[in-house]
Amino acid sequence: MLIGDVARRSGVSARMLRHYDSLGLVRPTGRTVSGYREYSGEDIRRIFHVESLRSLGLTLREVARALDDPGFRPSELVDGLVRQTQERIAVETALLTRLRRIGAAEPADWEDVLQTVALLHALGSESAAKRQRAALSSSEEVPVPVDALVEAALNEADANVAGALRWALAQSGGAALELLAEGLASPVAAVRERAVRSIAEIPHERGSALLQGALTSSDAVVRRQAALALGARGETDAVPTLVDMVVEGTNDVDAADALSALASRPAAADPIATTLVGRLPHGPDGAPARRRLTQALADIPGATASHALAQLSRDEDPAVALTARYVLTLREAR
């Protein structure tokens, strides 16, 4: 079969077939009576083999090696192609994400596009200062896309930058909450903590619902952060977790402050005091927890807390007794 016929039937251009010939990749083995090169059936099969391997992303040099080197190991080349393809997909996916974010910002002109691109670049900078400035630069004129802010907030390790990102997310209202909710389910503990901290700073009804759900999280850090945030919002569902924090000595001062704020409502004071009293441990080993619970009871108004403090003023641990007596003196003075 002559080159023109091969080109028509194979879909490979005559120019490419001549290129294969010049490289020694596919050389016609026959000759016509007129002296023209002629492709045999085996030559045509090799052309299809070449095209098949090229469709996998192999270079012509790699194709020649695959077809002619007896020691060639396909698995090594395929593994390399997999890596290259994954890298290419990652680059293309990053570009697609960036384009979508720019589109979501609804730029009015190219100046807006350039500013948005600059902010996105800054959010991914290795410089913490640049990341912080980008977060604080989010404005109504050229806002940073919410999903970019969420991604940055969930992955930010620097405390100052993280604070700026949480502030920026709070300015977005409830737009970020569903994305942050996905962060609560992350397998990475640090991401879950950043998610709950970010949700805590967004004053939105949906945010409160997410925090309520977080009270049952298997992650103790998430539970505690949710409880502190809900306590600040006046939600008494947080009381059991806040009391746990006092007993365990984990952020116990913040937890006691949250309980005090909740107890400022008369109807909540005695139930909170009852919960605290119910967690008072006995014996010398429980003295540290009793001291913390005594300090928490100090700021809870009502008869239940006062009665408990009167009993604690006779505690076997001198520090517990002294603290309780001092608090009672202050309460009587008031």
C-alpha atoms as a PDB file:
ATOM      1  CA  MET A   1       0.000   0.000   0.000  1.00  0.00           C
ATOM      2  CA  LEU A   2       1.409   3.373  -0.997  1.00  0.00           C
ATOM      3  CA  ILE A   3       1.765   6.293   1.407  1.00  0.00           C
ATOM      4  CA  GLY A   4      -1.341   8.122   0.157  1.00  0.00           C
ATOM      5  CA  ASP A   5      -3.555   5.083   0.657  1.00  0.00           C
ATOM      6  CA  VAL A   6      -2.067   4.475   4.124  1.00  0.00           C
ATOM      7  CA  ALA A   7      -2.701   8.098   5.090  1.00  0.00           C
ATOM      8  CA  ARG A   8      -6.345   7.921   4.002  1.00  0.00           C
ATOM      9  CA  ARG A   9      -7.045   4.649   5.750  1.00  0.00           C
ATOM     10  CA  SER A  10      -5.070   5.213   8.933  1.00  0.00           C
ATOM     11  CA  GLY A  11      -5.884   8.873   9.525  1.00  0.00           C
ATOM     12  CA  VAL A  12      -2.155   9.621   9.894  1.00  0.00           C
ATOM     13  CA  SER A  13      -1.053  12.363   7.519  1.00  0.00           C
ATOM     14  CA  ALA A  14       1.448  11.618   4.748  1.00  0.00           C
ATOM     15  CA  ARG A  15       3.711  14.254   6.301  1.00  0.00           C
ATOM     16  CA  MET A  16       3.691  12.453   9.639  1.00  0.00           C
ATOM     17  CA  LEU A  17       4.315   9.095   7.928  1.00  0.00           C
ATOM     18  CA  ARG A  18       7.385  10.579   6.224  1.00  0.00           C
ATOM     19  CA  HIS A  19       8.495  11.901   9.639  1.00  0.00           C
ATOM     20  CA  TYR A  20       8.129   8.404  11.113  1.00  0.00           C
ATOM     21  CA  ASP A  21      10.182   7.101   8.194  1.00  0.00           C
ATOM     22  CA  SER A  22      12.942   9.676   8.740  1.00  0.00           C
ATOM     23  CA  LEU A  23      13.154   8.717  12.419  1.00  0.00           C
ATOM     24  CA  GLY A  24      13.273   5.034  11.609  1.00  0.00           C
ATOM     25  CA  LEU A  25      10.091   4.541  13.599  1.00  0.00           C
ATOM     26  CA  VAL A  26       7.977   3.089  10.760  1.00  0.00           C
ATOM     27  CA  ARG A  27       9.823   2.406   7.500  1.00  0.00           C
ATOM     28  CA  PRO A  28       7.978   0.888   4.542  1.00  0.00           C
ATOM     29  CA  THR A  29       9.590  -2.489   3.884  1.00  0.00           C
ATOM     30  CA  GLY A  30       8.335  -3.133   0.352  1.00  0.00           C
ATOM     31  CA  ARG A  31       8.896  -1.644  -3.096  1.00  0.00           C
ATOM     32  CA  THR A  32       6.576  -1.392  -6.070  1.00  0.00           C
ATOM     33  CA  VAL A  33       7.760  -2.356  -9.563  1.00  0.00           C
ATOM     34  CA  SER A  34       8.175   1.356 -10.151  1.00  0.00           C
ATOM     35  CA  GLY A  35      10.462   1.656  -7.144  1.00  0.00           C
ATOM     36  CA  TYR A  36       8.025   3.418  -4.809  1.00  0.00           C
ATOM     37  CA  ARG A  37       8.107   2.474  -1.136  1.00  0.00           C
ATOM     38  CA  GLU A  38       5.220   0.281  -0.155  1.00  0.00           C
ATOM     39  CA  TYR A  39       3.785  -0.414   3.299  1.00  0.00           C
ATOM     40  CA  SER A  40       3.190  -4.009   4.210  1.00  0.00           C
ATOM     41  CA  GLY A  41       0.463  -5.274   6.522  1.00  0.00           C
ATOM     42  CA  GLU A  42       3.067  -5.495   9.322  1.00  0.00           C
ATOM     43  CA  ASP A  43       4.138  -1.883   8.673  1.00  0.00           C
ATOM     44  CA  ILE A  44       0.529  -0.721   8.965  1.00  0.00           C
ATOM     45  CA  ARG A  45       0.092  -2.636  12.232  1.00  0.00           C
ATOM     46  CA  ARG A  46       3.179  -0.850  13.555  1.00  0.00           C
ATOM     47  CA  ILE A  47       1.664   2.502  12.558  1.00  0.00           C
ATOM     48  CA  PHE A  48      -1.414   1.710  14.646  1.00  0.00           C
ATOM     49  CA  HIS A  49       0.826   0.615  17.533  1.00  0.00           C
ATOM     50  CA  VAL A  50       2.689   3.929  17.319  1.00  0.00           C
ATOM     51  CA  GLU A  51      -0.557   5.916  17.325  1.00  0.00           C
ATOM     52  CA  SER A  52      -1.932   3.920  20.254  1.00  0.00           C
ATOM     53  CA  LEU A  53       1.157   4.611  22.363  1.00  0.00           C
ATOM     54  CA  ARG A  54       1.161   8.291  21.380  1.00  0.00           C
ATOM     55  CA  SER A  55      -2.453   8.527  22.568  1.00  0.00           C
ATOM     56  CA  LEU A  56      -1.177   7.661  26.058  1.00  0.00           C
ATOM     57  CA  GLY A  57       1.095  10.683  26.020  1.00  0.00           C
ATOM     58  CA  LEU A  58       4.361   8.984  25.049  1.00  0.00           C
ATOM     59  CA  THR A  59       6.919  10.918  23.045  1.00  0.00           C
ATOM     60  CA  LEU A  60       8.121   9.451  19.751  1.00  0.00           C
ATOM     61  CA  ARG A  61      11.406   8.512  21.402  1.00  0.00           C
ATOM     62  CA  GLU A  62       9.526   6.656  24.133  1.00  0.00           C
ATOM     63  CA  VAL A  63       7.348   4.969  21.502  1.00  0.00           C
ATOM     64  CA  ALA A  64      10.451   3.725  19.649  1.00  0.00           C
ATOM     65  CA  ARG A  65      11.908   2.394  22.897  1.00  0.00           C
ATOM     66  CA  ALA A  66       8.642   0.694  23.814  1.00  0.00           C
ATOM     67  CA  LEU A  67       8.426  -1.065  20.452  1.00  0.00           C
ATOM     68  CA  ASP A  68      12.079  -1.958  19.879  1.00  0.00           C
ATOM     69  CA  ASP A  69      13.818  -2.334  23.254  1.00  0.00           C
ATOM     70  CA  PRO A  70      13.467  -5.931  24.520  1.00  0.00           C
ATOM     71  CA  GLY A  71      14.351  -4.815  28.052  1.00  0.00           C
ATOM     72  CA  PHE A  72      11.662  -2.148  28.146  1.00  0.00           C
ATOM     73  CA  ARG A  73       9.389  -2.325  31.193  1.00  0.00           C
ATOM     74  CA  PRO A  74       5.943  -0.844  30.463  1.00  0.00           C
ATOM     75  CA  SER A  75       5.043  -0.447  34.144  1.00  0.00           C
ATOM     76  CA  GLU A  76       7.823   2.104  34.743  1.00  0.00           C
ATOM     77  CA  LEU A  77       6.729   4.250  31.823  1.00  0.00           C
ATOM     78  CA  VAL A  78       3.043   3.994  32.728  1.00  0.00           C
ATOM     79  CA  ASP A  79       3.816   5.018  36.322  1.00  0.00           C
ATOM     80  CA  GLY A  80       5.699   8.030  34.997  1.00  0.00           C
ATOM     81  CA  LEU A  81       2.811   8.964  32.732  1.00  0.00           C
ATOM     82  CA  VAL A  82       0.406   8.696  35.657  1.00  0.00           C
ATOM     83  CA  ARG A  83       2.533  11.125  37.678  1.00  0.00           C
ATOM     84  CA  GLN A  84       2.814  13.562  34.784  1.00  0.00           C
ATOM     85  CA  THR A  85      -0.926  13.424  34.173  1.00  0.00           C
ATOM     86  CA  GLN A  86      -1.704  14.011  37.846  1.00  0.00           C
ATOM     87  CA  GLU A  87       0.615  17.012  37.895  1.00  0.00           C
ATOM     88  CA  ARG A  88      -0.970  18.401  34.742  1.00  0.00           C
ATOM     89  CA  ILE A  89      -4.469  17.899  36.155  1.00  0.00           C
ATOM     90  CA  ALA A  90      -3.452  19.640  39.383  1.00  0.00           C
ATOM     91  CA  VAL A  91      -2.176  22.643  37.428  1.00  0.00           C
ATOM     92  CA  GLU A  92      -5.299  22.776  35.265  1.00  0.00           C
ATOM     93  CA  THR A  93      -7.571  22.350  38.292  1.00  0.00           C
ATOM     94  CA  ALA A  94      -5.821  25.214  40.069  1.00  0.00           C
ATOM     95  CA  LEU A  95      -6.297  27.391  36.998  1.00  0.00           C
ATOM     96  CA  LEU A  96      -9.965  26.417  36.746  1.00  0.00           C
ATOM     97  CA  THR A  97     -10.501  27.221  40.438  1.00  0.00           C
ATOM     98  CA  ARG A  98      -8.831  30.598  40.021  1.00  0.00           C
ATOM     99  CA  LEU A  99     -10.956  31.440  36.972  1.00  0.00           C
ATOM    100  CA  ARG A 100     -14.149  30.464  38.785  1.00  0.00           C
ATOM    101  CA  ARG A 101     -13.190  32.595  41.749  1.00  0.00           C
ATOM    102  CA  ILE A 102     -12.524  35.575  39.536  1.00  0.00           C
ATOM    103  CA  GLY A 103     -15.888  35.023  37.859  1.00  0.00           C
ATOM    104  CA  ALA A 104     -17.623  34.788  41.247  1.00  0.00           C
ATOM    105  CA  ALA A 105     -16.179  38.185  42.176  1.00  0.00           C
ATOM    106  CA  GLU A 106     -18.122  39.622  39.204  1.00  0.00           C
ATOM    107  CA  PRO A 107     -15.373  42.006  38.045  1.00  0.00           C
ATOM    108  CA  ALA A 108     -16.632  45.130  36.296  1.00  0.00           C
ATOM    109  CA  ASP A 109     -13.477  45.630  34.243  1.00  0.00           C
ATOM    110  CA  TRP A 110      -9.945  44.329  33.747  1.00  0.00           C
ATOM    111  CA  GLU A 111      -8.697  46.467  36.619  1.00  0.00           C
ATOM    112  CA  ASP A 112     -10.979  44.501  38.947  1.00  0.00           C
ATOM    113  CA  VAL A 113      -9.745  41.233  37.432  1.00  0.00           C
ATOM    114  CA  LEU A 114      -6.124  42.203  38.038  1.00  0.00           C
ATOM    115  CA  GLN A 115      -6.840  43.253  41.623  1.00  0.00           C
ATOM    116  CA  THR A 116      -8.656  39.985  42.325  1.00  0.00           C
ATOM    117  CA  VAL A 117      -5.781  37.983  40.832  1.00  0.00           C
ATOM    118  CA  ALA A 118      -3.315  39.944  42.973  1.00  0.00           C
ATOM    119  CA  LEU A 119      -5.343  39.221  46.115  1.00  0.00           C
ATOM    120  CA  LEU A 120      -5.563  35.509  45.281  1.00  0.00           C
ATOM    121  CA  HIS A 121      -1.803  35.383  44.714  1.00  0.00           C
ATOM    122  CA  ALA A 122      -1.238  37.160  48.028  1.00  0.00           C
ATOM    123  CA  LEU A 123      -3.452  34.674  49.879  1.00  0.00           C
ATOM    124  CA  GLY A 124      -1.150  31.912  48.657  1.00  0.00           C
ATOM    125  CA  SER A 125       2.057  33.791  49.424  1.00  0.00           C
ATOM    126  CA  GLU A 126       4.772  32.302  51.623  1.00  0.00           C
ATOM    127  CA  SER A 127       4.848  35.636  53.467  1.00  0.00           C
ATOM    128  CA  ALA A 128       2.494  35.739  56.452  1.00  0.00           C
ATOM    129  CA  ALA A 129       2.385  39.535  56.239  1.00  0.00           C
ATOM    130  CA  LYS A 130       1.194  39.409  52.620  1.00  0.00           C
ATOM    131  CA  ARG A 131      -1.457  36.824  53.460  1.00  0.00           C
ATOM    132  CA  GLN A 132      -2.693  38.966  56.337  1.00  0.00           C
ATOM    133  CA  ARG A 133      -2.875  42.095  54.173  1.00  0.00           C
ATOM    134  CA  ALA A 134      -4.804  40.180  51.517  1.00  0.00           C
ATOM    135  CA  ALA A 135      -7.356  39.015  54.085  1.00  0.00           C
ATOM    136  CA  LEU A 136      -7.791  42.525  55.476  1.00  0.00           C
ATOM    137  CA  SER A 137      -8.041  43.981  51.960  1.00  0.00           C
ATOM    138  CA  SER A 138     -11.279  42.208  51.190  1.00  0.00           C
ATOM    139  CA  SER A 139     -13.833  44.914  50.522  1.00  0.00           C
ATOM    140  CA  GLU A 140     -17.102  45.490  48.750  1.00  0.00           C
ATOM    141  CA  GLU A 141     -15.293  47.067  45.795  1.00  0.00           C
ATOM    142  CA  VAL A 142     -12.934  44.156  45.094  1.00  0.00           C
ATOM    143  CA  PRO A 143     -13.927  41.310  47.440  1.00  0.00           C
ATOM    144  CA  VAL A 144     -11.851  38.186  47.841  1.00  0.00           C
ATOM    145  CA  PRO A 145     -14.030  35.250  46.700  1.00  0.00           C
ATOM    146  CA  VAL A 146     -15.551  33.541  49.733  1.00  0.00           C
ATOM    147  CA  ASP A 147     -14.364  30.044  48.808  1.00  0.00           C
ATOM    148  CA  ALA A 148     -10.792  31.337  48.544  1.00  0.00           C
ATOM    149  CA  LEU A 149     -11.085  32.881  52.012  1.00  0.00           C
ATOM    150  CA  VAL A 150     -12.502  29.645  53.432  1.00  0.00           C
ATOM    151  CA  GLU A 151      -9.745  27.555  51.866  1.00  0.00           C
ATOM    152  CA  ALA A 152      -7.121  29.936  53.237  1.00  0.00           C
ATOM    153  CA  ALA A 153      -8.715  30.021  56.706  1.00  0.00           C
ATOM    154  CA  LEU A 154      -8.909  26.230  56.955  1.00  0.00           C
ATOM    155  CA  ASN A 155      -5.231  25.870  56.071  1.00  0.00           C
ATOM    156  CA  GLU A 156      -3.697  28.869  57.861  1.00  0.00           C
ATOM    157  CA  ALA A 157      -1.283  28.024  60.696  1.00  0.00           C
ATOM    158  CA  ASP A 158      -0.162  31.571  61.564  1.00  0.00           C
ATOM    159  CA  ALA A 159      -2.326  32.913  64.398  1.00  0.00           C
ATOM    160  CA  ASN A 160      -2.322  36.545  63.201  1.00  0.00           C
ATOM    161  CA  VAL A 161      -3.199  35.648  59.621  1.00  0.00           C
ATOM    162  CA  ALA A 162      -5.859  33.206  60.830  1.00  0.00           C
ATOM    163  CA  GLY A 163      -7.459  35.985  62.873  1.00  0.00           C
ATOM    164  CA  ALA A 164      -7.529  38.289  59.855  1.00  0.00           C
ATOM    165  CA  LEU A 165      -9.088  35.568  57.720  1.00  0.00           C
ATOM    166  CA  ARG A 166     -11.779  34.872  60.329  1.00  0.00           C
ATOM    167  CA  TRP A 167     -12.555  38.601  60.391  1.00  0.00           C
ATOM    168  CA  ALA A 168     -12.853  38.643  56.600  1.00  0.00           C
ATOM    169  CA  LEU A 169     -15.171  35.628  56.679  1.00  0.00           C
ATOM    170  CA  ALA A 170     -17.342  37.295  59.321  1.00  0.00           C
ATOM    171  CA  GLN A 171     -17.821  40.237  56.935  1.00  0.00           C
ATOM    172  CA  SER A 172     -19.247  37.858  54.336  1.00  0.00           C
ATOM    173  CA  GLY A 173     -22.286  37.078  56.506  1.00  0.00           C
ATOM    174  CA  GLY A 174     -23.549  33.530  56.122  1.00  0.00           C
ATOM    175  CA  ALA A 175     -22.058  32.957  52.658  1.00  0.00           C
ATOM    176  CA  ALA A 176     -19.093  31.003  54.033  1.00  0.00           C
ATOM    177  CA  LEU A 177     -20.961  28.775  56.472  1.00  0.00           C
ATOM    178  CA  GLU A 178     -21.728  25.803  54.223  1.00  0.00           C
ATOM    179  CA  LEU A 179     -18.108  25.610  53.099  1.00  0.00           C
ATOM    180  CA  LEU A 180     -16.949  25.862  56.706  1.00  0.00           C
ATOM    181  CA  ALA A 181     -19.396  23.094  57.625  1.00  0.00           C
ATOM    182  CA  GLU A 182     -17.446  20.810  55.294  1.00  0.00           C
ATOM    183  CA  GLY A 183     -14.335  21.726  57.275  1.00  0.00           C
ATOM    184  CA  LEU A 184     -15.986  20.429  60.451  1.00  0.00           C
ATOM    185  CA  ALA A 185     -16.055  16.981  58.841  1.00  0.00           C
ATOM    186  CA  SER A 186     -12.406  17.063  57.755  1.00  0.00           C
ATOM    187  CA  PRO A 187     -10.215  14.102  58.756  1.00  0.00           C
ATOM    188  CA  VAL A 188      -7.552  16.639  59.779  1.00  0.00           C
ATOM    189  CA  ALA A 189      -7.936  17.819  63.387  1.00  0.00           C
ATOM    190  CA  ALA A 190      -6.334  21.222  62.744  1.00  0.00           C
ATOM    191  CA  VAL A 191      -8.783  21.914  59.906  1.00  0.00           C
ATOM    192  CA  ARG A 192     -11.761  20.997  62.131  1.00  0.00           C
ATOM    193  CA  GLU A 193     -10.541  23.400  64.816  1.00  0.00           C
ATOM    194  CA  ARG A 194     -10.065  26.232  62.307  1.00  0.00           C
ATOM    195  CA  ALA A 195     -13.527  25.573  60.906  1.00  0.00           C
ATOM    196  CA  VAL A 196     -15.274  25.805  64.281  1.00  0.00           C
ATOM    197  CA  ARG A 197     -13.292  28.931  65.229  1.00  0.00           C
ATOM    198  CA  SER A 198     -14.328  30.590  61.976  1.00  0.00           C
ATOM    199  CA  ILE A 199     -17.984  29.626  62.395  1.00  0.00           C
ATOM    200  CA  ALA A 200     -17.912  30.985  65.947  1.00  0.00           C
ATOM    201  CA  GLU A 201     -17.137  34.474  64.653  1.00  0.00           C
ATOM    202  CA  ILE A 202     -19.987  34.613  62.131  1.00  0.00           C
ATOM    203  CA  PRO A 203     -23.136  35.980  63.842  1.00  0.00           C
ATOM    204  CA  HIS A 204     -25.705  34.026  61.864  1.00  0.00           C
ATOM    205  CA  GLU A 205     -28.553  31.674  62.729  1.00  0.00           C
ATOM    206  CA  ARG A 206     -27.082  28.951  60.518  1.00  0.00           C
ATOM    207  CA  GLY A 207     -23.781  29.367  62.355  1.00  0.00           C
ATOM    208  CA  SER A 208     -25.493  28.741  65.684  1.00  0.00           C
ATOM    209  CA  ALA A 209     -27.080  25.581  64.278  1.00  0.00           C
ATOM    210  CA  LEU A 210     -23.680  24.320  63.125  1.00  0.00           C
ATOM    211  CA  LEU A 211     -22.210  25.043  66.555  1.00  0.00           C
ATOM    212  CA  GLN A 212     -25.083  23.173  68.206  1.00  0.00           C
ATOM    213  CA  GLY A 213     -24.248  20.167  66.057  1.00  0.00           C
ATOM    214  CA  ALA A 214     -20.576  20.513  66.927  1.00  0.00           C
ATOM    215  CA  LEU A 215     -21.408  19.978  70.628  1.00  0.00           C
ATOM    216  CA  THR A 216     -21.764  16.272  69.830  1.00  0.00           C
ATOM    217  CA  SER A 217     -18.520  16.055  67.855  1.00  0.00           C
ATOM    218  CA  SER A 218     -16.104  13.269  68.744  1.00  0.00           C
ATOM    219  CA  ASP A 219     -13.358  15.913  68.602  1.00  0.00           C
ATOM    220  CA  ALA A 220     -13.019  17.425  72.086  1.00  0.00           C
ATOM    221  CA  VAL A 221     -11.415  20.601  70.736  1.00  0.00           C
ATOM    222  CA  VAL A 222     -14.354  21.193  68.395  1.00  0.00           C
ATOM    223  CA  ARG A 223     -16.847  20.561  71.227  1.00  0.00           C
ATOM    224  CA  ARG A 224     -15.086  23.029  73.523  1.00  0.00           C
ATOM    225  CA  GLN A 225     -14.799  25.788  70.934  1.00  0.00           C
ATOM    226  CA  ALA A 226     -18.454  25.336  70.006  1.00  0.00           C
ATOM    227  CA  ALA A 227     -19.491  25.502  73.666  1.00  0.00           C
ATOM    228  CA  LEU A 228     -17.559  28.722  74.281  1.00  0.00           C
ATOM    229  CA  ALA A 229     -19.112  30.332  71.213  1.00  0.00           C
ATOM    230  CA  LEU A 230     -22.636  29.193  72.106  1.00  0.00           C
ATOM    231  CA  GLY A 231     -22.174  30.341  75.688  1.00  0.00           C
ATOM    232  CA  ALA A 232     -21.303  33.805  74.382  1.00  0.00           C
ATOM    233  CA  ARG A 233     -24.517  33.671  72.326  1.00  0.00           C
ATOM    234  CA  GLY A 234     -26.592  32.826  75.394  1.00  0.00           C
ATOM    235  CA  GLU A 235     -27.277  29.204  74.442  1.00  0.00           C
ATOM    236  CA  THR A 236     -27.684  27.061  77.584  1.00  0.00           C
ATOM    237  CA  ASP A 237     -27.181  23.839  75.599  1.00  0.00           C
ATOM    238  CA  ALA A 238     -23.488  24.590  75.987  1.00  0.00           C
ATOM    239  CA  VAL A 239     -23.589  24.246  79.800  1.00  0.00           C
ATOM    240  CA  PRO A 240     -22.649  20.531  80.108  1.00  0.00           C
ATOM    241  CA  THR A 241     -19.588  20.946  77.893  1.00  0.00           C
ATOM    242  CA  LEU A 242     -18.567  24.152  79.669  1.00  0.00           C
ATOM    243  CA  VAL A 243     -18.798  22.376  83.027  1.00  0.00           C
ATOM    244  CA  ASP A 244     -16.711  19.509  81.622  1.00  0.00           C
ATOM    245  CA  MET A 245     -14.058  22.061  80.691  1.00  0.00           C
ATOM    246  CA  VAL A 246     -13.990  23.436  84.236  1.00  0.00           C
ATOM    247  CA  VAL A 247     -13.693  19.943  85.728  1.00  0.00           C
ATOM    248  CA  GLU A 248     -10.972  18.905  83.283  1.00  0.00           C
ATOM    249  CA  GLY A 249      -9.062  22.179  83.574  1.00  0.00           C
ATOM    250  CA  THR A 250      -9.162  22.825  79.823  1.00  0.00           C
ATOM    251  CA  ASN A 251      -9.795  26.517  79.080  1.00  0.00           C
ATOM    252  CA  ASP A 252     -11.502  26.452  82.476  1.00  0.00           C
ATOM    253  CA  VAL A 253     -11.278  30.224  83.015  1.00  0.00           C
ATOM    254  CA  ASP A 254     -12.968  30.938  79.673  1.00  0.00           C
ATOM    255  CA  ALA A 255     -15.555  28.246  80.402  1.00  0.00           C
ATOM    256  CA  ALA A 256     -16.277  29.727  83.844  1.00  0.00           C
ATOM    257  CA  ASP A 257     -16.701  33.184  82.286  1.00  0.00           C
ATOM    258  CA  ALA A 258     -19.161  31.750  79.756  1.00  0.00           C
ATOM    259  CA  LEU A 259     -21.133  30.047  82.560  1.00  0.00           C
ATOM    260  CA  SER A 260     -21.211  33.295  84.500  1.00  0.00           C
ATOM    261  CA  ALA A 261     -22.596  35.137  81.491  1.00  0.00           C
ATOM    262  CA  LEU A 262     -25.285  32.488  81.003  1.00  0.00           C
ATOM    263  CA  ALA A 263     -26.165  32.586  84.695  1.00  0.00           C
ATOM    264  CA  SER A 264     -26.833  36.316  84.544  1.00  0.00           C
ATOM    265  CA  ARG A 265     -30.336  35.324  83.482  1.00  0.00           C
ATOM    266  CA  PRO A 266     -32.197  34.450  86.725  1.00  0.00           C
ATOM    267  CA  ALA A 267     -33.887  31.375  85.287  1.00  0.00           C
ATOM    268  CA  ALA A 268     -30.531  29.851  84.333  1.00  0.00           C
ATOM    269  CA  ALA A 269     -28.525  30.541  87.491  1.00  0.00           C
ATOM    270  CA  ASP A 270     -29.744  27.730  89.778  1.00  0.00           C
ATOM    271  CA  PRO A 271     -29.687  25.009  87.054  1.00  0.00           C
ATOM    272  CA  ILE A 272     -26.105  25.953  86.199  1.00  0.00           C
ATOM    273  CA  ALA A 273     -25.114  25.941  89.866  1.00  0.00           C
ATOM    274  CA  THR A 274     -26.774  22.539  90.301  1.00  0.00           C
ATOM    275  CA  THR A 275     -24.788  21.159  87.368  1.00  0.00           C
ATOM    276  CA  LEU A 276     -21.533  22.497  88.826  1.00  0.00           C
ATOM    277  CA  VAL A 277     -22.286  21.071  92.266  1.00  0.00           C
ATOM    278  CA  GLY A 278     -23.125  17.705  90.754  1.00  0.00           C
ATOM    279  CA  ARG A 279     -19.621  17.476  89.357  1.00  0.00           C
ATOM    280  CA  LEU A 280     -17.802  18.139  92.667  1.00  0.00           C
ATOM    281  CA  PRO A 281     -15.433  15.199  93.219  1.00  0.00           C
ATOM    282  CA  HIS A 282     -14.542  13.834  96.659  1.00  0.00           C
ATOM    283  CA  GLY A 283     -11.225  13.039  98.260  1.00  0.00           C
ATOM    284  CA  PRO A 284      -7.713  14.473  97.980  1.00  0.00           C
ATOM    285  CA  ASP A 285      -7.363  13.539  94.320  1.00  0.00           C
ATOM    286  CA  GLY A 286     -10.359  15.660  93.441  1.00  0.00           C
ATOM    287  CA  ALA A 287      -9.051  18.808  95.145  1.00  0.00           C
ATOM    288  CA  PRO A 288      -7.791  20.516  91.927  1.00  0.00           C
ATOM    289  CA  ALA A 289     -11.170  20.042  90.246  1.00  0.00           C
ATOM    290  CA  ARG A 290     -12.995  21.254  93.391  1.00  0.00           C
ATOM    291  CA  ARG A 291     -10.861  24.411  93.388  1.00  0.00           C
ATOM    292  CA  ARG A 292     -11.816  25.133  89.777  1.00  0.00           C
ATOM    293  CA  LEU A 293     -15.490  24.408  90.433  1.00  0.00           C
ATOM    294  CA  THR A 294     -15.430  26.643  93.508  1.00  0.00           C
ATOM    295  CA  GLN A 295     -14.023  29.489  91.420  1.00  0.00           C
ATOM    296  CA  ALA A 296     -16.717  28.901  88.791  1.00  0.00           C
ATOM    297  CA  LEU A 297     -19.469  28.928  91.461  1.00  0.00           C
ATOM    298  CA  ALA A 298     -18.152  32.258  92.713  1.00  0.00           C
ATOM    299  CA  ASP A 299     -19.704  34.076  89.760  1.00  0.00           C
ATOM    300  CA  ILE A 300     -23.011  32.192  89.731  1.00  0.00           C
ATOM    301  CA  PRO A 301     -25.763  34.089  91.567  1.00  0.00           C
ATOM    302  CA  GLY A 302     -28.525  32.450  93.569  1.00  0.00           C
ATOM    303  CA  ALA A 303     -29.165  30.331  96.627  1.00  0.00           C
ATOM    304  CA  THR A 304     -27.908  27.053  95.152  1.00  0.00           C
ATOM    305  CA  ALA A 305     -24.439  28.457  94.505  1.00  0.00           C
ATOM    306  CA  SER A 306     -24.330  30.153  97.933  1.00  0.00           C
ATOM    307  CA  HIS A 307     -25.306  26.930  99.727  1.00  0.00           C
ATOM    308  CA  ALA A 308     -22.638  24.978  97.834  1.00  0.00           C
ATOM    309  CA  LEU A 309     -19.995  27.581  98.668  1.00  0.00           C
ATOM    310  CA  ALA A 310     -20.959  27.398 102.366  1.00  0.00           C
ATOM    311  CA  GLN A 311     -20.295  23.664 102.299  1.00  0.00           C
ATOM    312  CA  LEU A 312     -17.051  24.116 100.372  1.00  0.00           C
ATOM    313  CA  SER A 313     -15.851  26.622 102.989  1.00  0.00           C
ATOM    314  CA  ARG A 314     -15.364  23.582 105.260  1.00  0.00           C
ATOM    315  CA  ASP A 315     -13.608  21.499 102.602  1.00  0.00           C
ATOM    316  CA  GLU A 316     -10.695  19.270 103.625  1.00  0.00           C
ATOM    317  CA  ASP A 317      -8.496  21.046 101.065  1.00  0.00           C
ATOM    318  CA  PRO A 318      -7.320  24.369 102.583  1.00  0.00           C
ATOM    319  CA  ALA A 319      -7.210  26.145  99.210  1.00  0.00           C
ATOM    320  CA  VAL A 320     -10.789  25.131  98.387  1.00  0.00           C
ATOM    321  CA  ALA A 321     -12.037  26.184 101.840  1.00  0.00           C
ATOM    322  CA  LEU A 322     -10.182  29.507 101.740  1.00  0.00           C
ATOM    323  CA  THR A 323     -11.494  30.339  98.276  1.00  0.00           C
ATOM    324  CA  ALA A 324     -15.066  29.486  99.247  1.00  0.00           C
ATOM    325  CA  ARG A 325     -14.917  31.589 102.422  1.00  0.00           C
ATOM    326  CA  TYR A 326     -13.485  34.546 100.535  1.00  0.00           C
ATOM    327  CA  VAL A 327     -16.194  34.326  97.865  1.00  0.00           C
ATOM    328  CA  LEU A 328     -18.924  34.096 100.546  1.00  0.00           C
ATOM    329  CA  THR A 329     -17.556  37.226 102.199  1.00  0.00           C
ATOM    330  CA  LEU A 330     -17.774  39.102  98.898  1.00  0.00           C
ATOM    331  CA  ARG A 331     -21.303  37.818  98.240  1.00  0.00           C
ATOM    332  CA  GLU A 332     -22.466  38.889 101.731  1.00  0.00           C
ATOM    333  CA  ALA A 333     -20.950  42.318 101.207  1.00  0.00           C
ATOM    334  CA  ARG A 334     -22.932  42.710  97.994  1.00  0.00           C
END
